[in-house]
């Protein structure tokens, strides 16, 4: 028998703001919310994302990050959409690669890969 990933938890100072951002990025919905945070995803599907509230802001590069791929547009168009939602391009020393490294509104790194995937 094995385990499976059901939730990815990200500490943040503003769970509501990050939930709105990531719901727009991933076409997810808010599943639950309470004083400790907000869980987003698609009903009955795993993994979900949980944004747990902590008092301190992010202070260093994440050792674990999210990779995303566009579903209905090319990488350039998806990059423009993500930037319009509040993502920021960042240089972490990635050199000449086929993906874009971005940060969400709280500075958490994620990558936009080149390949388009089924919705």
C-alpha atoms as a PDB file:
ATOM      1  CA  UNK A   1       0.000   0.000   0.000  1.00  0.00           C
ATOM      2  CA  UNK A   2       1.122   3.584  -0.594  1.00  0.00           C
ATOM      3  CA  UNK A   3       0.149   7.135   0.258  1.00  0.00           C
ATOM      4  CA  UNK A   4      -1.088   9.763  -2.147  1.00  0.00           C
ATOM      5  CA  UNK A   5      -0.829  13.515  -2.021  1.00  0.00           C
ATOM      6  CA  UNK A   6      -4.190  15.002  -1.055  1.00  0.00           C
ATOM      7  CA  UNK A   7      -3.187  18.530  -0.024  1.00  0.00           C
ATOM      8  CA  UNK A   8      -0.307  20.890  -0.647  1.00  0.00           C
ATOM      9  CA  UNK A   9      -0.064  23.441   2.161  1.00  0.00           C
ATOM     10  CA  UNK A  10       1.484  26.863   1.725  1.00  0.00           C
ATOM     11  CA  UNK A  11       2.009  29.201   4.674  1.00  0.00           C
ATOM     12  CA  UNK A  12       1.111  32.820   3.948  1.00  0.00           C
ATOM     13  CA  UNK A  13       0.092  36.068   5.594  1.00  0.00           C
ATOM     14  CA  UNK A  14      -3.088  36.583   3.507  1.00  0.00           C
ATOM     15  CA  UNK A  15      -4.829  33.281   2.670  1.00  0.00           C
ATOM     16  CA  UNK A  16      -7.811  34.993   1.039  1.00  0.00           C
ATOM     17  CA  UNK A  17      -5.639  36.947  -1.407  1.00  0.00           C
ATOM     18  CA  UNK A  18      -3.550  33.909  -2.333  1.00  0.00           C
ATOM     19  CA  UNK A  19      -6.688  31.786  -2.705  1.00  0.00           C
ATOM     20  CA  UNK A  20      -8.130  34.342  -5.149  1.00  0.00           C
ATOM     21  CA  UNK A  21      -4.874  34.425  -7.139  1.00  0.00           C
ATOM     22  CA  UNK A  22      -4.463  30.638  -7.353  1.00  0.00           C
ATOM     23  CA  UNK A  23      -8.184  30.066  -8.054  1.00  0.00           C
ATOM     24  CA  UNK A  24      -7.797  32.347 -11.080  1.00  0.00           C
ATOM     25  CA  UNK A  25      -4.536  30.683 -12.160  1.00  0.00           C
ATOM     26  CA  UNK A  26      -5.826  27.113 -11.871  1.00  0.00           C
ATOM     27  CA  UNK A  27      -9.580  27.582 -12.415  1.00  0.00           C
ATOM     28  CA  UNK A  28     -10.153  26.229  -8.891  1.00  0.00           C
ATOM     29  CA  UNK A  29     -12.829  27.159  -6.389  1.00  0.00           C
ATOM     30  CA  UNK A  30     -12.757  27.731  -2.649  1.00  0.00           C
ATOM     31  CA  UNK A  31     -13.673  24.454  -0.954  1.00  0.00           C
ATOM     32  CA  UNK A  32     -13.381  25.462   2.709  1.00  0.00           C
ATOM     33  CA  UNK A  33     -12.301  28.421   4.774  1.00  0.00           C
ATOM     34  CA  UNK A  34     -11.851  29.022   8.468  1.00  0.00           C
ATOM     35  CA  UNK A  35      -9.734  31.128  10.808  1.00  0.00           C
ATOM     36  CA  UNK A  36      -6.671  28.994  10.008  1.00  0.00           C
ATOM     37  CA  UNK A  37      -6.791  29.359   6.225  1.00  0.00           C
ATOM     38  CA  UNK A  38      -8.443  28.602   2.900  1.00  0.00           C
ATOM     39  CA  UNK A  39      -8.547  25.360   0.869  1.00  0.00           C
ATOM     40  CA  UNK A  40      -9.024  25.503  -2.896  1.00  0.00           C
ATOM     41  CA  UNK A  41      -9.396  22.867  -5.589  1.00  0.00           C
ATOM     42  CA  UNK A  42     -11.979  21.022  -7.614  1.00  0.00           C
ATOM     43  CA  UNK A  43     -14.677  19.178  -5.724  1.00  0.00           C
ATOM     44  CA  UNK A  44     -13.714  15.522  -5.327  1.00  0.00           C
ATOM     45  CA  UNK A  45     -10.268  15.887  -6.934  1.00  0.00           C
ATOM     46  CA  UNK A  46      -6.822  15.791  -5.358  1.00  0.00           C
ATOM     47  CA  UNK A  47      -4.524  17.403  -4.550  1.00  0.00           C
ATOM     48  CA  UNK A  48      -6.030  20.576  -3.170  1.00  0.00           C
ATOM     49  CA  UNK A  49      -4.089  23.677  -2.122  1.00  0.00           C
ATOM     50  CA  UNK A  50      -4.376  24.914   1.446  1.00  0.00           C
ATOM     51  CA  UNK A  51      -3.224  28.407   2.365  1.00  0.00           C
ATOM     52  CA  UNK A  52      -2.484  28.482   6.080  1.00  0.00           C
ATOM     53  CA  UNK A  53      -2.105  31.777   7.874  1.00  0.00           C
ATOM     54  CA  UNK A  54       1.184  32.623   9.595  1.00  0.00           C
ATOM     55  CA  UNK A  55       2.241  36.012  11.005  1.00  0.00           C
ATOM     56  CA  UNK A  56       5.623  36.316   9.287  1.00  0.00           C
ATOM     57  CA  UNK A  57       6.208  36.966   5.552  1.00  0.00           C
ATOM     58  CA  UNK A  58       8.198  34.612   3.328  1.00  0.00           C
ATOM     59  CA  UNK A  59      11.904  35.130   3.949  1.00  0.00           C
ATOM     60  CA  UNK A  60      13.799  32.785   1.601  1.00  0.00           C
ATOM     61  CA  UNK A  61      13.482  30.804  -1.618  1.00  0.00           C
ATOM     62  CA  UNK A  62      11.089  27.875  -1.384  1.00  0.00           C
ATOM     63  CA  UNK A  63      12.579  24.392  -1.502  1.00  0.00           C
ATOM     64  CA  UNK A  64       9.380  23.079  -3.065  1.00  0.00           C
ATOM     65  CA  UNK A  65       7.464  24.858  -5.797  1.00  0.00           C
ATOM     66  CA  UNK A  66       4.524  24.447  -8.167  1.00  0.00           C
ATOM     67  CA  UNK A  67       4.904  23.971 -11.935  1.00  0.00           C
ATOM     68  CA  UNK A  68       1.987  24.894 -14.191  1.00  0.00           C
ATOM     69  CA  UNK A  69       1.263  24.381 -17.883  1.00  0.00           C
ATOM     70  CA  UNK A  70      -1.269  26.255 -20.017  1.00  0.00           C
ATOM     71  CA  UNK A  71      -4.335  24.347 -21.186  1.00  0.00           C
ATOM     72  CA  UNK A  72      -5.904  26.552 -23.839  1.00  0.00           C
ATOM     73  CA  UNK A  73      -3.212  28.938 -25.088  1.00  0.00           C
ATOM     74  CA  UNK A  74       0.486  29.033 -25.810  1.00  0.00           C
ATOM     75  CA  UNK A  75       3.100  29.807 -23.170  1.00  0.00           C
ATOM     76  CA  UNK A  76       3.478  33.479 -24.150  1.00  0.00           C
ATOM     77  CA  UNK A  77      -0.259  34.145 -23.875  1.00  0.00           C
ATOM     78  CA  UNK A  78      -0.441  32.318 -20.559  1.00  0.00           C
ATOM     79  CA  UNK A  79       2.505  34.318 -19.240  1.00  0.00           C
ATOM     80  CA  UNK A  80       0.656  37.543 -20.049  1.00  0.00           C
ATOM     81  CA  UNK A  81      -2.460  36.238 -18.254  1.00  0.00           C
ATOM     82  CA  UNK A  82      -0.458  35.289 -15.144  1.00  0.00           C
ATOM     83  CA  UNK A  83       1.278  38.678 -15.061  1.00  0.00           C
ATOM     84  CA  UNK A  84      -2.111  40.406 -15.342  1.00  0.00           C
ATOM     85  CA  UNK A  85      -3.339  38.353 -12.361  1.00  0.00           C
ATOM     86  CA  UNK A  86      -0.465  39.678 -10.230  1.00  0.00           C
ATOM     87  CA  UNK A  87       2.408  37.237 -10.813  1.00  0.00           C
ATOM     88  CA  UNK A  88       5.919  38.655 -11.229  1.00  0.00           C
ATOM     89  CA  UNK A  89       8.783  37.327 -13.327  1.00  0.00           C
ATOM     90  CA  UNK A  90      11.906  36.567 -11.281  1.00  0.00           C
ATOM     91  CA  UNK A  91      15.462  35.579 -12.019  1.00  0.00           C
ATOM     92  CA  UNK A  92      16.773  32.883  -9.705  1.00  0.00           C
ATOM     93  CA  UNK A  93      19.736  32.117 -11.933  1.00  0.00           C
ATOM     94  CA  UNK A  94      17.809  29.832 -14.288  1.00  0.00           C
ATOM     95  CA  UNK A  95      19.844  30.920 -17.361  1.00  0.00           C
ATOM     96  CA  UNK A  96      18.454  30.067 -20.839  1.00  0.00           C
ATOM     97  CA  UNK A  97      15.547  27.662 -20.192  1.00  0.00           C
ATOM     98  CA  UNK A  98      12.191  26.897 -21.793  1.00  0.00           C
ATOM     99  CA  UNK A  99      10.164  27.854 -18.715  1.00  0.00           C
ATOM    100  CA  UNK A 100       9.430  31.086 -16.869  1.00  0.00           C
ATOM    101  CA  UNK A 101      10.039  31.482 -13.142  1.00  0.00           C
ATOM    102  CA  UNK A 102       7.441  33.665 -11.442  1.00  0.00           C
ATOM    103  CA  UNK A 103       6.328  34.657  -7.977  1.00  0.00           C
ATOM    104  CA  UNK A 104       2.776  34.793  -6.685  1.00  0.00           C
ATOM    105  CA  UNK A 105       1.601  37.916  -4.793  1.00  0.00           C
ATOM    106  CA  UNK A 106       3.367  36.773  -1.587  1.00  0.00           C
ATOM    107  CA  UNK A 107       6.644  35.969  -3.352  1.00  0.00           C
ATOM    108  CA  UNK A 108       6.281  32.175  -3.615  1.00  0.00           C
ATOM    109  CA  UNK A 109       8.104  30.874  -6.680  1.00  0.00           C
ATOM    110  CA  UNK A 110       6.359  28.829  -9.357  1.00  0.00           C
ATOM    111  CA  UNK A 111       7.194  27.916 -12.941  1.00  0.00           C
ATOM    112  CA  UNK A 112       5.222  28.230 -16.147  1.00  0.00           C
ATOM    113  CA  UNK A 113       6.353  25.380 -18.369  1.00  0.00           C
ATOM    114  CA  UNK A 114       6.184  25.412 -22.168  1.00  0.00           C
ATOM    115  CA  UNK A 115       4.049  22.351 -22.882  1.00  0.00           C
ATOM    116  CA  UNK A 116       0.287  22.712 -23.266  1.00  0.00           C
ATOM    117  CA  UNK A 117      -1.777  20.090 -21.406  1.00  0.00           C
ATOM    118  CA  UNK A 118      -5.377  18.938 -21.590  1.00  0.00           C
ATOM    119  CA  UNK A 119      -7.767  20.897 -19.354  1.00  0.00           C
END
